[in-house]
N, C-alpha and C. Protein backbone atom coordinates (compact mmCIF):
# COMPACT_ATOMS: atom_id res chain seq x y z
N MET A 1 1.97 128.88 25.82
CA MET A 1 3.01 129.71 26.23
C MET A 1 4.10 129.03 26.67
N ASN A 2 4.10 127.78 26.77
CA ASN A 2 5.37 126.93 26.78
C ASN A 2 6.09 126.78 25.67
N GLU A 3 5.64 127.40 24.61
CA GLU A 3 6.33 127.14 23.15
C GLU A 3 6.96 128.27 22.57
N VAL A 4 6.92 129.28 23.67
CA VAL A 4 7.61 130.48 23.08
C VAL A 4 9.20 130.42 22.99
N THR A 5 9.74 130.76 22.18
CA THR A 5 11.31 130.62 21.63
C THR A 5 11.94 131.52 22.42
N SER A 6 13.32 131.22 22.89
CA SER A 6 14.18 132.12 23.38
C SER A 6 14.60 133.20 22.76
N ASP A 7 14.65 133.18 21.27
CA ASP A 7 14.76 134.19 20.59
C ASP A 7 13.61 135.19 20.66
N PHE A 8 12.37 134.83 20.97
CA PHE A 8 11.18 135.82 20.79
C PHE A 8 11.47 136.27 22.46
N SER A 9 11.77 135.66 23.39
CA SER A 9 11.52 136.10 24.75
C SER A 9 12.65 137.22 25.14
N SER A 10 13.71 137.07 24.23
CA SER A 10 14.92 137.94 24.43
C SER A 10 14.58 139.38 23.69
N SER A 11 13.93 139.11 22.51
CA SER A 11 13.54 140.28 21.66
C SER A 11 12.73 141.30 22.40
N GLU A 12 12.10 140.62 23.38
CA GLU A 12 11.32 141.81 24.27
C GLU A 12 12.42 142.85 25.06
N GLY A 13 13.68 142.32 25.17
CA GLY A 13 14.63 143.36 25.77
C GLY A 13 14.44 143.63 27.31
N LYS A 14 13.82 142.67 28.03
CA LYS A 14 13.71 142.87 29.44
C LYS A 14 14.62 141.98 30.03
N GLY A 15 14.55 142.58 31.62
CA GLY A 15 15.52 141.60 32.51
C GLY A 15 16.66 141.20 31.83
N ASP A 16 17.09 139.99 32.39
CA ASP A 16 18.49 139.38 31.75
C ASP A 16 18.33 138.96 30.23
N LEU A 17 17.36 139.00 29.58
CA LEU A 17 16.90 138.66 28.34
C LEU A 17 16.82 137.17 28.09
N SER A 18 16.61 136.47 29.17
CA SER A 18 16.64 134.94 29.28
C SER A 18 15.39 134.42 29.09
N TYR A 19 15.00 133.32 28.55
CA TYR A 19 13.46 132.78 28.35
C TYR A 19 13.21 132.56 30.00
N ASP A 20 14.03 131.90 30.88
CA ASP A 20 13.63 131.94 32.26
C ASP A 20 13.02 133.22 32.92
N TYR A 21 13.64 134.31 32.41
CA TYR A 21 13.09 135.66 32.94
C TYR A 21 11.67 135.90 32.34
N TRP A 22 11.66 135.82 31.52
CA TRP A 22 10.57 136.07 30.45
C TRP A 22 9.49 135.28 31.03
N PHE A 23 9.41 134.02 31.18
CA PHE A 23 8.34 133.05 31.70
C PHE A 23 7.98 133.46 33.09
N SER A 24 9.06 133.63 33.86
CA SER A 24 8.76 134.04 35.46
C SER A 24 7.85 135.28 35.28
N GLU A 25 7.87 136.25 34.66
CA GLU A 25 7.44 137.30 34.68
C GLU A 25 6.05 137.12 34.00
N ARG A 26 5.74 136.33 32.95
CA ARG A 26 4.54 136.07 32.26
C ARG A 26 3.60 135.42 33.55
N VAL A 27 4.04 134.28 34.15
CA VAL A 27 3.33 133.60 35.03
C VAL A 27 2.86 134.45 36.35
N GLU A 28 3.83 135.48 36.58
CA GLU A 28 3.34 136.47 37.61
C GLU A 28 2.10 137.40 37.03
N PHE A 29 2.22 137.90 35.70
CA PHE A 29 1.42 138.63 35.32
C PHE A 29 0.16 138.07 34.91
N PHE A 30 0.21 136.80 34.49
CA PHE A 30 -1.15 136.06 34.28
C PHE A 30 -1.90 135.67 35.42
N THR A 31 -0.92 135.14 36.53
CA THR A 31 -1.63 134.88 37.54
C THR A 31 -2.54 135.96 38.17
N TRP A 32 -1.99 137.21 38.24
CA TRP A 32 -2.69 138.39 38.45
C TRP A 32 -3.88 138.73 37.77
N GLU A 33 -3.61 138.52 36.38
CA GLU A 33 -4.83 138.79 35.59
C GLU A 33 -6.06 137.84 35.69
N LEU A 34 -5.72 136.90 35.65
CA LEU A 34 -6.60 135.88 35.75
C LEU A 34 -7.22 135.44 37.13
N SER A 35 -6.76 135.87 38.18
CA SER A 35 -7.40 135.72 39.65
C SER A 35 -8.72 136.45 39.78
N PRO A 36 -8.91 137.51 39.33
CA PRO A 36 -10.30 138.13 39.78
C PRO A 36 -11.41 137.40 38.90
N TYR A 37 -10.94 136.47 38.16
CA TYR A 37 -11.95 135.46 37.25
C TYR A 37 -12.11 134.18 37.69
N GLY A 38 -11.27 134.06 38.87
CA GLY A 38 -11.45 132.75 39.52
C GLY A 38 -10.71 131.67 38.72
N LEU A 39 -9.85 132.16 37.87
CA LEU A 39 -9.10 131.23 37.09
C LEU A 39 -7.57 131.33 37.48
N THR A 40 -6.79 129.96 37.00
CA THR A 40 -5.33 129.78 37.36
C THR A 40 -4.64 129.55 36.25
N PHE A 41 -3.28 130.22 36.42
CA PHE A 41 -2.46 130.12 35.50
C PHE A 41 -2.06 128.83 35.18
N ALA A 42 -1.87 128.37 33.96
CA ALA A 42 -1.10 127.01 33.32
C ALA A 42 -0.03 127.04 32.33
N PRO A 43 0.82 126.64 32.54
CA PRO A 43 2.13 126.89 31.51
C PRO A 43 1.58 126.34 30.09
N ASP A 44 0.36 125.86 29.62
CA ASP A 44 -0.16 125.43 28.30
C ASP A 44 -1.03 126.56 27.76
N LEU A 45 -1.26 127.76 28.66
CA LEU A 45 -2.06 128.97 28.21
C LEU A 45 -1.77 129.22 26.71
N LEU A 46 -2.73 129.51 25.92
CA LEU A 46 -2.60 129.72 24.74
C LEU A 46 -2.46 131.18 24.72
N LEU A 47 -1.21 131.24 24.27
CA LEU A 47 -0.77 132.89 23.92
C LEU A 47 -0.38 133.15 22.34
N ILE A 48 -0.90 134.27 22.06
CA ILE A 48 -0.46 134.54 20.51
C ILE A 48 0.32 135.90 20.74
N SER A 49 1.58 135.55 20.18
CA SER A 49 2.85 136.44 20.34
C SER A 49 3.06 137.02 18.87
N GLN A 50 3.45 138.17 18.73
CA GLN A 50 3.73 138.61 17.49
C GLN A 50 4.81 139.62 17.69
N THR A 51 5.72 139.75 16.54
CA THR A 51 6.80 140.85 16.27
C THR A 51 6.63 141.90 15.24
N PHE A 52 6.74 143.19 15.93
CA PHE A 52 6.79 144.09 14.56
C PHE A 52 8.06 144.57 14.02
N ARG A 53 8.14 145.15 13.02
CA ARG A 53 9.38 145.71 12.48
C ARG A 53 9.03 146.87 12.09
N VAL A 54 9.77 148.19 12.48
CA VAL A 54 9.42 149.50 12.28
C VAL A 54 9.68 149.89 10.82
N MET A 55 8.93 150.25 10.10
CA MET A 55 8.96 150.44 8.43
C MET A 55 9.56 151.89 8.23
N ASP A 56 9.16 152.61 9.18
CA ASP A 56 9.18 154.36 8.98
C ASP A 56 9.02 154.97 10.22
N VAL A 57 9.65 156.09 10.65
CA VAL A 57 9.51 156.91 11.76
C VAL A 57 9.06 158.36 11.38
N TYR A 58 7.94 158.79 11.95
CA TYR A 58 7.28 160.01 11.51
C TYR A 58 7.40 161.17 12.21
N LYS A 59 8.79 161.06 12.99
CA LYS A 59 8.81 162.23 14.14
C LYS A 59 8.90 163.41 13.60
N ASP A 60 9.32 163.64 12.34
CA ASP A 60 9.52 165.08 11.92
C ASP A 60 8.03 165.46 11.07
N ARG A 61 6.89 164.82 10.79
CA ARG A 61 5.84 164.69 10.10
C ARG A 61 5.01 165.32 10.75
N VAL A 62 3.92 166.39 10.40
CA VAL A 62 2.73 167.04 11.25
C VAL A 62 1.71 166.05 10.69
């Protein structure tokens, strides 16, 4: 998770668009998600990140 680029983190469009904001939000989220399993967050957590591009919008199609 500590290898995510600032370009990727800002592309999510949340908070102040900074990597620091993105990272702190993920620490909070993954700490919460892992705790029921007795696991703890670590900055080197394997995280698969993807970016998608909208190719077409079907708002007028049924």
